[in-house]
Amino acid sequence: MHLLRFDLRGAKRPITVYLDSGWPHDNYEFRRNLRNTLARHGRRQGHDLHYFAFPQAVHDERHWALRAHLPLQVFFGERAGADPGAAGAH
């Protein structure tokens, strides 16, 4: 059982949401429905909503490891590579 709470009333909070699952199992339907609800409330795929489903992936460490790079890229990718010429380029 997942216990996620999103307050969809009022102004949209400035957060980024990452969701993924295996497909067709691994809570695929739950996450797809959550993605659809968030999109109806103004979240945009590739902007402040990142949703991925992986065919034949299951809920275990091996499959998580295969996709662990994705949330890291979503949350830290741009900052890690932001303006490489800015530091010490004088």
PDB file of N, CA and C in Angstrom:
ATOM      1  N   MET A   1       0.846  -1.184   0.000  1.00  0.00           N
ATOM      2  CA  MET A   1       0.000   0.000   0.000  1.00  0.00           C
ATOM      3  C   MET A   1       0.884   1.236   0.000  1.00  0.00           C
ATOM      4  N   HIS A   2       0.606   2.126  -0.900  1.00  0.00           N
ATOM      5  CA  HIS A   2       1.364   3.376  -0.981  1.00  0.00           C
ATOM      6  C   HIS A   2       0.584   4.469  -0.280  1.00  0.00           C
ATOM      7  N   LEU A   3       1.290   5.290   0.433  1.00  0.00           N
ATOM      8  CA  LEU A   3       0.658   6.403   1.129  1.00  0.00           C
ATOM      9  C   LEU A   3       1.305   7.686   0.645  1.00  0.00           C
ATOM     10  N   LEU A   4       0.762   8.217  -0.435  1.00  0.00           N
ATOM     11  CA  LEU A   4       1.244   9.473  -0.991  1.00  0.00           C
ATOM     12  C   LEU A   4       0.167  10.514  -0.793  1.00  0.00           C
ATOM     13  N   ARG A   5       0.574  11.704  -0.413  1.00  0.00           N
ATOM     14  CA  ARG A   5      -0.395  12.780  -0.216  1.00  0.00           C
ATOM     15  C   ARG A   5       0.001  13.969  -1.056  1.00  0.00           C
ATOM     16  N   PHE A   6      -0.862  14.324  -1.951  1.00  0.00           N
ATOM     17  CA  PHE A   6      -0.706  15.526  -2.746  1.00  0.00           C
ATOM     18  C   PHE A   6      -1.925  16.380  -2.486  1.00  0.00           C
ATOM     19  N   ASP A   7      -1.728  17.593  -2.029  1.00  0.00           N
ATOM     20  CA  ASP A   7      -2.844  18.514  -1.851  1.00  0.00           C
ATOM     21  C   ASP A   7      -3.011  19.256  -3.169  1.00  0.00           C
ATOM     22  N   LEU A   8      -4.034  18.909  -3.907  1.00  0.00           N
ATOM     23  CA  LEU A   8      -4.246  19.480  -5.231  1.00  0.00           C
ATOM     24  C   LEU A   8      -5.129  20.706  -5.199  1.00  0.00           C
ATOM     25  N   ARG A   9      -5.495  21.137  -4.001  1.00  0.00           N
ATOM     26  CA  ARG A   9      -6.291  22.359  -3.880  1.00  0.00           C
ATOM     27  C   ARG A   9      -5.358  23.551  -3.815  1.00  0.00           C
ATOM     28  N   GLY A  10      -5.817  24.676  -4.294  1.00  0.00           N
ATOM     29  CA  GLY A  10      -5.019  25.893  -4.192  1.00  0.00           C
ATOM     30  C   GLY A  10      -3.948  25.971  -5.253  1.00  0.00           C
ATOM     31  N   ALA A  11      -2.979  26.834  -5.011  1.00  0.00           N
ATOM     32  CA  ALA A  11      -1.911  27.079  -5.982  1.00  0.00           C
ATOM     33  C   ALA A  11      -1.000  25.862  -6.102  1.00  0.00           C
ATOM     34  N   LYS A  12      -0.507  25.630  -7.308  1.00  0.00           N
ATOM     35  CA  LYS A  12       0.421  24.532  -7.560  1.00  0.00           C
ATOM     36  C   LYS A  12       1.764  24.862  -6.918  1.00  0.00           C
ATOM     37  N   ARG A  13       2.284  23.942  -6.122  1.00  0.00           N
ATOM     38  CA  ARG A  13       3.577  24.149  -5.455  1.00  0.00           C
ATOM     39  C   ARG A  13       4.714  23.950  -6.443  1.00  0.00           C
ATOM     40  N   PRO A  14       5.802  24.681  -6.302  1.00  0.00           N
ATOM     41  CA  PRO A  14       6.931  24.584  -7.234  1.00  0.00           C
ATOM     42  C   PRO A  14       7.831  23.389  -6.919  1.00  0.00           C
ATOM     43  N   ILE A  15       7.339  22.205  -7.182  1.00  0.00           N
ATOM     44  CA  ILE A  15       8.118  20.990  -6.961  1.00  0.00           C
ATOM     45  C   ILE A  15       8.172  20.184  -8.254  1.00  0.00           C
ATOM     46  N   THR A  16       9.132  19.303  -8.331  1.00  0.00           N
ATOM     47  CA  THR A  16       9.243  18.370  -9.440  1.00  0.00           C
ATOM     48  C   THR A  16       8.863  16.993  -8.923  1.00  0.00           C
ATOM     49  N   VAL A  17       8.048  16.280  -9.699  1.00  0.00           N
ATOM     50  CA  VAL A  17       7.580  14.951  -9.315  1.00  0.00           C
ATOM     51  C   VAL A  17       8.188  13.930 -10.269  1.00  0.00           C
ATOM     52  N   TYR A  18       8.801  12.885  -9.716  1.00  0.00           N
ATOM     53  CA  TYR A  18       9.333  11.764 -10.497  1.00  0.00           C
ATOM     54  C   TYR A  18       8.553  10.512 -10.114  1.00  0.00           C
ATOM     55  N   LEU A  19       8.028   9.806 -11.112  1.00  0.00           N
ATOM     56  CA  LEU A  19       7.314   8.551 -10.897  1.00  0.00           C
ATOM     57  C   LEU A  19       7.843   7.525 -11.883  1.00  0.00           C
ATOM     58  N   ASP A  20       8.020   6.288 -11.449  1.00  0.00           N
ATOM     59  CA  ASP A  20       8.289   5.218 -12.397  1.00  0.00           C
ATOM     60  C   ASP A  20       7.750   3.913 -11.858  1.00  0.00           C
ATOM     61  N   SER A  21       7.646   2.946 -12.757  1.00  0.00           N
ATOM     62  CA  SER A  21       7.195   1.617 -12.371  1.00  0.00           C
ATOM     63  C   SER A  21       7.554   0.645 -13.474  1.00  0.00           C
ATOM     64  N   GLY A  22       7.495  -0.629 -13.105  1.00  0.00           N
ATOM     65  CA  GLY A  22       7.562  -1.666 -14.117  1.00  0.00           C
ATOM     66  C   GLY A  22       6.207  -1.743 -14.804  1.00  0.00           C
ATOM     67  N   TRP A  23       6.180  -2.498 -15.870  1.00  0.00           N
ATOM     68  CA  TRP A  23       4.924  -2.649 -16.598  1.00  0.00           C
ATOM     69  C   TRP A  23       4.843  -4.067 -17.122  1.00  0.00           C
ATOM     70  N   PRO A  24       3.787  -4.785 -16.945  1.00  0.00           N
ATOM     71  CA  PRO A  24       2.440  -4.358 -16.578  1.00  0.00           C
ATOM     72  C   PRO A  24       2.145  -4.413 -15.084  1.00  0.00           C
ATOM     73  N   HIS A  25       3.094  -4.808 -14.276  1.00  0.00           N
ATOM     74  CA  HIS A  25       2.841  -4.914 -12.826  1.00  0.00           C
ATOM     75  C   HIS A  25       3.594  -3.809 -12.100  1.00  0.00           C
ATOM     76  N   ASP A  26       4.031  -4.043 -10.895  1.00  0.00           N
ATOM     77  CA  ASP A  26       4.830  -3.081 -10.121  1.00  0.00           C
ATOM     78  C   ASP A  26       4.091  -1.758  -9.918  1.00  0.00           C
ATOM     79  N   ASN A  27       2.797  -1.843  -9.604  1.00  0.00           N
ATOM     80  CA  ASN A  27       1.968  -0.655  -9.339  1.00  0.00           C
ATOM     81  C   ASN A  27       1.832   0.267 -10.548  1.00  0.00           C
ATOM     82  N   TYR A  28       1.923  -0.285 -11.741  1.00  0.00           N
ATOM     83  CA  TYR A  28       1.821   0.488 -12.973  1.00  0.00           C
ATOM     84  C   TYR A  28       0.524   1.297 -13.030  1.00  0.00           C
ATOM     85  N   GLU A  29      -0.604   0.663 -12.757  1.00  0.00           N
ATOM     86  CA  GLU A  29      -1.889   1.348 -12.855  1.00  0.00           C
ATOM     87  C   GLU A  29      -1.994   2.503 -11.858  1.00  0.00           C
ATOM     88  N   PHE A  30      -1.526   2.274 -10.641  1.00  0.00           N
ATOM     89  CA  PHE A  30      -1.560   3.322  -9.617  1.00  0.00           C
ATOM     90  C   PHE A  30      -0.743   4.535 -10.056  1.00  0.00           C
ATOM     91  N   ARG A  31       0.488   4.299 -10.514  1.00  0.00           N
ATOM     92  CA  ARG A  31       1.352   5.420 -10.905  1.00  0.00           C
ATOM     93  C   ARG A  31       0.845   6.114 -12.166  1.00  0.00           C
ATOM     94  N   ARG A  32       0.305   5.341 -13.114  1.00  0.00           N
ATOM     95  CA  ARG A  32      -0.256   5.957 -14.316  1.00  0.00           C
ATOM     96  C   ARG A  32      -1.432   6.856 -13.949  1.00  0.00           C
ATOM     97  N   ASN A  33      -2.290   6.388 -13.054  1.00  0.00           N
ATOM     98  CA  ASN A  33      -3.431   7.199 -12.610  1.00  0.00           C
ATOM     99  C   ASN A  33      -2.966   8.440 -11.850  1.00  0.00           C
ATOM    100  N   LEU A  34      -1.937   8.308 -11.023  1.00  0.00           N
ATOM    101  CA  LEU A  34      -1.391   9.459 -10.310  1.00  0.00           C
ATOM    102  C   LEU A  34      -0.819  10.466 -11.300  1.00  0.00           C
ATOM    103  N   ARG A  35      -0.077   9.979 -12.292  1.00  0.00           N
ATOM    104  CA  ARG A  35       0.451  10.862 -13.335  1.00  0.00           C
ATOM    105  C   ARG A  35      -0.678  11.610 -14.038  1.00  0.00           C
ATOM    106  N   ASN A  36      -1.742  10.911 -14.402  1.00  0.00           N
ATOM    107  CA  ASN A  36      -2.867  11.547 -15.086  1.00  0.00           C
ATOM    108  C   ASN A  36      -3.532  12.600 -14.207  1.00  0.00           C
ATOM    109  N   THR A  37      -3.682  12.304 -12.924  1.00  0.00           N
ATOM    110  CA  THR A  37      -4.278  13.273 -11.999  1.00  0.00           C
ATOM    111  C   THR A  37      -3.400  14.516 -11.879  1.00  0.00           C
ATOM    112  N   LEU A  38      -2.098  14.311 -11.720  1.00  0.00           N
ATOM    113  CA  LEU A  38      -1.187  15.450 -11.610  1.00  0.00           C
ATOM    114  C   LEU A  38      -1.191  16.283 -12.892  1.00  0.00           C
ATOM    115  N   ALA A  39      -1.274  15.627 -14.045  1.00  0.00           N
ATOM    116  CA  ALA A  39      -1.325  16.354 -15.315  1.00  0.00           C
ATOM    117  C   ALA A  39      -2.615  17.169 -15.425  1.00  0.00           C
ATOM    118  N   ARG A  40      -3.716  16.621 -14.975  1.00  0.00           N
ATOM    119  CA  ARG A  40      -4.982  17.376 -14.992  1.00  0.00           C
ATOM    120  C   ARG A  40      -4.913  18.603 -14.094  1.00  0.00           C
ATOM    121  N   HIS A  41      -4.046  18.571 -13.100  1.00  0.00           N
ATOM    122  CA  HIS A  41      -3.902  19.692 -12.174  1.00  0.00           C
ATOM    123  C   HIS A  41      -2.710  20.587 -12.520  1.00  0.00           C
ATOM    124  N   GLY A  42      -2.245  20.517 -13.755  1.00  0.00           N
ATOM    125  CA  GLY A  42      -1.265  21.479 -14.229  1.00  0.00           C
ATOM    126  C   GLY A  42       0.167  21.029 -14.334  1.00  0.00           C
ATOM    127  N   ARG A  43       0.494  19.819 -13.898  1.00  0.00           N
ATOM    128  CA  ARG A  43       1.874  19.337 -14.051  1.00  0.00           C
ATOM    129  C   ARG A  43       2.105  18.980 -15.512  1.00  0.00           C
ATOM    130  N   ARG A  44       3.339  19.214 -15.994  1.00  0.00           N
ATOM    131  CA  ARG A  44       3.654  18.935 -17.391  1.00  0.00           C
ATOM    132  C   ARG A  44       4.799  17.939 -17.490  1.00  0.00           C
ATOM    133  N   GLN A  45       4.558  16.881 -18.277  1.00  0.00           N
ATOM    134  CA  GLN A  45       5.569  15.862 -18.502  1.00  0.00           C
ATOM    135  C   GLN A  45       6.828  16.503 -19.076  1.00  0.00           C
ATOM    136  N   GLY A  46       7.976  16.164 -18.488  1.00  0.00           N
ATOM    137  CA  GLY A  46       9.247  16.690 -18.941  1.00  0.00           C
ATOM    138  C   GLY A  46       9.591  18.052 -18.360  1.00  0.00           C
ATOM    139  N   HIS A  47       8.681  18.633 -17.614  1.00  0.00           N
ATOM    140  CA  HIS A  47       8.941  19.928 -16.991  1.00  0.00           C
ATOM    141  C   HIS A  47       8.963  19.769 -15.472  1.00  0.00           C
ATOM    142  N   ASP A  48       7.796  19.615 -14.867  1.00  0.00           N
ATOM    143  CA  ASP A  48       7.723  19.406 -13.418  1.00  0.00           C
ATOM    144  C   ASP A  48       7.103  18.054 -13.071  1.00  0.00           C
ATOM    145  N   LEU A  49       6.953  17.212 -14.088  1.00  0.00           N
ATOM    146  CA  LEU A  49       6.445  15.843 -13.918  1.00  0.00           C
ATOM    147  C   LEU A  49       7.261  14.934 -14.825  1.00  0.00           C
ATOM    148  N   HIS A  50       7.826  13.898 -14.243  1.00  0.00           N
ATOM    149  CA  HIS A  50       8.624  12.941 -15.005  1.00  0.00           C
ATOM    150  C   HIS A  50       8.099  11.553 -14.675  1.00  0.00           C
ATOM    151  N   TYR A  51       7.527  10.902 -15.675  1.00  0.00           N
ATOM    152  CA  TYR A  51       6.882   9.600 -15.485  1.00  0.00           C
ATOM    153  C   TYR A  51       7.453   8.622 -16.505  1.00  0.00           C
ATOM    154  N   PHE A  52       7.858   7.438 -16.018  1.00  0.00           N
ATOM    155  CA  PHE A  52       8.400   6.406 -16.878  1.00  0.00           C
ATOM    156  C   PHE A  52       7.814   5.052 -16.479  1.00  0.00           C
ATOM    157  N   ALA A  53       7.523   4.222 -17.475  1.00  0.00           N
ATOM    158  CA  ALA A  53       7.091   2.842 -17.244  1.00  0.00           C
ATOM    159  C   ALA A  53       8.018   1.929 -18.043  1.00  0.00           C
ATOM    160  N   PHE A  54       8.484   0.862 -17.425  1.00  0.00           N
ATOM    161  CA  PHE A  54       9.482  -0.011 -18.027  1.00  0.00           C
ATOM    162  C   PHE A  54       8.901  -1.400 -18.262  1.00  0.00           C
ATOM    163  N   PRO A  55       8.776  -1.801 -19.542  1.00  0.00           N
ATOM    164  CA  PRO A  55       8.213  -3.118 -19.863  1.00  0.00           C
ATOM    165  C   PRO A  55       8.993  -4.245 -19.193  1.00  0.00           C
ATOM    166  N   GLN A  56       8.262  -5.141 -18.581  1.00  0.00           N
ATOM    167  CA  GLN A  56       8.784  -6.352 -17.944  1.00  0.00           C
ATOM    168  C   GLN A  56       9.628  -6.102 -16.699  1.00  0.00           C
ATOM    169  N   ALA A  57       9.768  -4.869 -16.254  1.00  0.00           N
ATOM    170  CA  ALA A  57      10.519  -4.599 -15.020  1.00  0.00           C
ATOM    171  C   ALA A  57       9.637  -4.945 -13.823  1.00  0.00           C
ATOM    172  N   VAL A  58      10.257  -5.458 -12.783  1.00  0.00           N
ATOM    173  CA  VAL A  58       9.526  -5.825 -11.573  1.00  0.00           C
ATOM    174  C   VAL A  58      10.048  -5.014 -10.393  1.00  0.00           C
ATOM    175  N   HIS A  59       9.429  -5.218  -9.251  1.00  0.00           N
ATOM    176  CA  HIS A  59       9.726  -4.458  -8.038  1.00  0.00           C
ATOM    177  C   HIS A  59      10.867  -5.146  -7.278  1.00  0.00           C
ATOM    178  N   ASP A  60      12.094  -4.949  -7.754  1.00  0.00           N
ATOM    179  CA  ASP A  60      13.247  -5.530  -7.060  1.00  0.00           C
ATOM    180  C   ASP A  60      14.495  -4.684  -7.307  1.00  0.00           C
ATOM    181  N   GLU A  61      15.536  -4.962  -6.548  1.00  0.00           N
ATOM    182  CA  GLU A  61      16.747  -4.156  -6.589  1.00  0.00           C
ATOM    183  C   GLU A  61      17.423  -4.171  -7.950  1.00  0.00           C
ATOM    184  N   ARG A  62      17.413  -5.304  -8.632  1.00  0.00           N
ATOM    185  CA  ARG A  62      18.068  -5.392  -9.940  1.00  0.00           C
ATOM    186  C   ARG A  62      17.428  -4.436 -10.939  1.00  0.00           C
ATOM    187  N   HIS A  63      16.110  -4.409 -10.993  1.00  0.00           N
ATOM    188  CA  HIS A  63      15.420  -3.519 -11.929  1.00  0.00           C
ATOM    189  C   HIS A  63      15.526  -2.058 -11.495  1.00  0.00           C
ATOM    190  N   TRP A  64      15.521  -1.793 -10.191  1.00  0.00           N
ATOM    191  CA  TRP A  64      15.703  -0.410  -9.723  1.00  0.00           C
ATOM    192  C   TRP A  64      17.083   0.091 -10.143  1.00  0.00           C
ATOM    193  N   ALA A  65      18.092  -0.761 -10.015  1.00  0.00           N
ATOM    194  CA  ALA A  65      19.458  -0.361 -10.364  1.00  0.00           C
ATOM    195  C   ALA A  65      19.572   0.006 -11.844  1.00  0.00           C
ATOM    196  N   LEU A  66      18.810  -0.672 -12.690  1.00  0.00           N
ATOM    197  CA  LEU A  66      18.861  -0.385 -14.124  1.00  0.00           C
ATOM    198  C   LEU A  66      18.321   0.999 -14.466  1.00  0.00           C
ATOM    199  N   ARG A  67      17.495   1.555 -13.595  1.00  0.00           N
ATOM    200  CA  ARG A  67      16.911   2.865 -13.889  1.00  0.00           C
ATOM    201  C   ARG A  67      17.223   3.925 -12.831  1.00  0.00           C
ATOM    202  N   ALA A  68      18.129   3.634 -11.930  1.00  0.00           N
ATOM    203  CA  ALA A  68      18.463   4.576 -10.855  1.00  0.00           C
ATOM    204  C   ALA A  68      19.043   5.888 -11.379  1.00  0.00           C
ATOM    205  N   HIS A  69      19.636   5.862 -12.546  1.00  0.00           N
ATOM    206  CA  HIS A  69      20.223   7.081 -13.116  1.00  0.00           C
ATOM    207  C   HIS A  69      19.161   8.109 -13.507  1.00  0.00           C
ATOM    208  N   LEU A  70      17.939   7.670 -13.788  1.00  0.00           N
ATOM    209  CA  LEU A  70      16.913   8.602 -14.268  1.00  0.00           C
ATOM    210  C   LEU A  70      16.515   9.665 -13.247  1.00  0.00           C
ATOM    211  N   PRO A  71      16.135   9.311 -12.017  1.00  0.00           N
ATOM    212  CA  PRO A  71      15.811  10.392 -11.080  1.00  0.00           C
ATOM    213  C   PRO A  71      17.023  11.271 -10.773  1.00  0.00           C
ATOM    214  N   LEU A  72      18.232  10.696 -10.794  1.00  0.00           N
ATOM    215  CA  LEU A  72      19.424  11.513 -10.574  1.00  0.00           C
ATOM    216  C   LEU A  72      19.586  12.542 -11.691  1.00  0.00           C
ATOM    217  N   GLN A  73      19.333  12.135 -12.920  1.00  0.00           N
ATOM    218  CA  GLN A  73      19.402  13.083 -14.036  1.00  0.00           C
ATOM    219  C   GLN A  73      18.301  14.121 -13.941  1.00  0.00           C
ATOM    220  N   VAL A  74      17.093  13.696 -13.565  1.00  0.00           N
ATOM    221  CA  VAL A  74      15.978  14.633 -13.453  1.00  0.00           C
ATOM    222  C   VAL A  74      16.280  15.704 -12.409  1.00  0.00           C
ATOM    223  N   PHE A  75      16.743  15.294 -11.245  1.00  0.00           N
ATOM    224  CA  PHE A  75      16.905  16.235 -10.141  1.00  0.00           C
ATOM    225  C   PHE A  75      18.255  16.945 -10.108  1.00  0.00           C
ATOM    226  N   PHE A  76      19.300  16.333 -10.670  1.00  0.00           N
ATOM    227  CA  PHE A  76      20.637  16.921 -10.550  1.00  0.00           C
ATOM    228  C   PHE A  76      21.359  17.135 -11.873  1.00  0.00           C
ATOM    229  N   GLY A  77      20.841  16.624 -12.961  1.00  0.00           N
ATOM    230  CA  GLY A  77      21.531  16.666 -14.245  1.00  0.00           C
ATOM    231  C   GLY A  77      21.852  18.054 -14.736  1.00  0.00           C
ATOM    232  N   GLU A  78      20.893  18.948 -14.764  1.00  0.00           N
ATOM    233  CA  GLU A  78      21.139  20.294 -15.274  1.00  0.00           C
ATOM    234  C   GLU A  78      22.084  21.061 -14.363  1.00  0.00           C
ATOM    235  N   ARG A  79      21.928  20.917 -13.065  1.00  0.00           N
ATOM    236  CA  ARG A  79      22.793  21.633 -12.132  1.00  0.00           C
ATOM    237  C   ARG A  79      24.229  21.137 -12.221  1.00  0.00           C
ATOM    238  N   ALA A  80      24.403  19.838 -12.392  1.00  0.00           N
ATOM    239  CA  ALA A  80      25.753  19.289 -12.459  1.00  0.00           C
ATOM    240  C   ALA A  80      26.498  19.788 -13.687  1.00  0.00           C
ATOM    241  N   GLY A  81      25.779  20.023 -14.782  1.00  0.00           N
ATOM    242  CA  GLY A  81      26.433  20.455 -15.995  1.00  0.00           C
ATOM    243  C   GLY A  81      26.152  21.897 -16.355  1.00  0.00           C
ATOM    244  N   ALA A  82      25.662  22.676 -15.419  1.00  0.00           N
ATOM    245  CA  ALA A  82      25.271  24.063 -15.702  1.00  0.00           C
ATOM    246  C   ALA A  82      26.477  24.930 -15.976  1.00  0.00           C
ATOM    247  N   ASP A  83      26.466  25.565 -17.126  1.00  0.00           N
ATOM    248  CA  ASP A  83      27.458  26.555 -17.537  1.00  0.00           C
ATOM    249  C   ASP A  83      28.883  26.171 -17.161  1.00  0.00           C
ATOM    250  N   PRO A  84      29.443  25.168 -17.849  1.00  0.00           N
ATOM    251  CA  PRO A  84      30.784  24.695 -17.491  1.00  0.00           C
ATOM    252  C   PRO A  84      31.865  25.739 -17.657  1.00  0.00           C
ATOM    253  N   GLY A  85      31.635  26.787 -18.444  1.00  0.00           N
ATOM    254  CA  GLY A  85      32.650  27.816 -18.632  1.00  0.00           C
ATOM    255  C   GLY A  85      32.593  28.911 -17.589  1.00  0.00           C
ATOM    256  N   ALA A  86      31.628  28.873 -16.690  1.00  0.00           N
ATOM    257  CA  ALA A  86      31.459  29.959 -15.725  1.00  0.00           C
ATOM    258  C   ALA A  86      32.548  29.992 -14.667  1.00  0.00           C
ATOM    259  N   ALA A  87      32.977  28.843 -14.208  1.00  0.00           N
ATOM    260  CA  ALA A  87      33.976  28.810 -13.125  1.00  0.00           C
ATOM    261  C   ALA A  87      35.388  28.835 -13.706  1.00  0.00           C
ATOM    262  N   GLY A  88      36.148  29.828 -13.377  1.00  0.00           N
ATOM    263  CA  GLY A  88      37.558  29.910 -13.768  1.00  0.00           C
ATOM    264  C   GLY A  88      37.799  30.191 -15.239  1.00  0.00           C
ATOM    265  N   ALA A  89      36.835  30.729 -15.948  1.00  0.00           N
ATOM    266  CA  ALA A  89      37.000  30.960 -17.383  1.00  0.00           C
ATOM    267  C   ALA A  89      37.379  32.411 -17.694  1.00  0.00           C
ATOM    268  N   HIS A  90      38.037  33.055 -16.781  1.00  0.00           N
ATOM    269  CA  HIS A  90      38.356  34.480 -16.990  1.00  0.00           C
ATOM    270  C   HIS A  90      39.641  34.648 -17.749  1.00  0.00           C
TER     271      HIS A  90
END
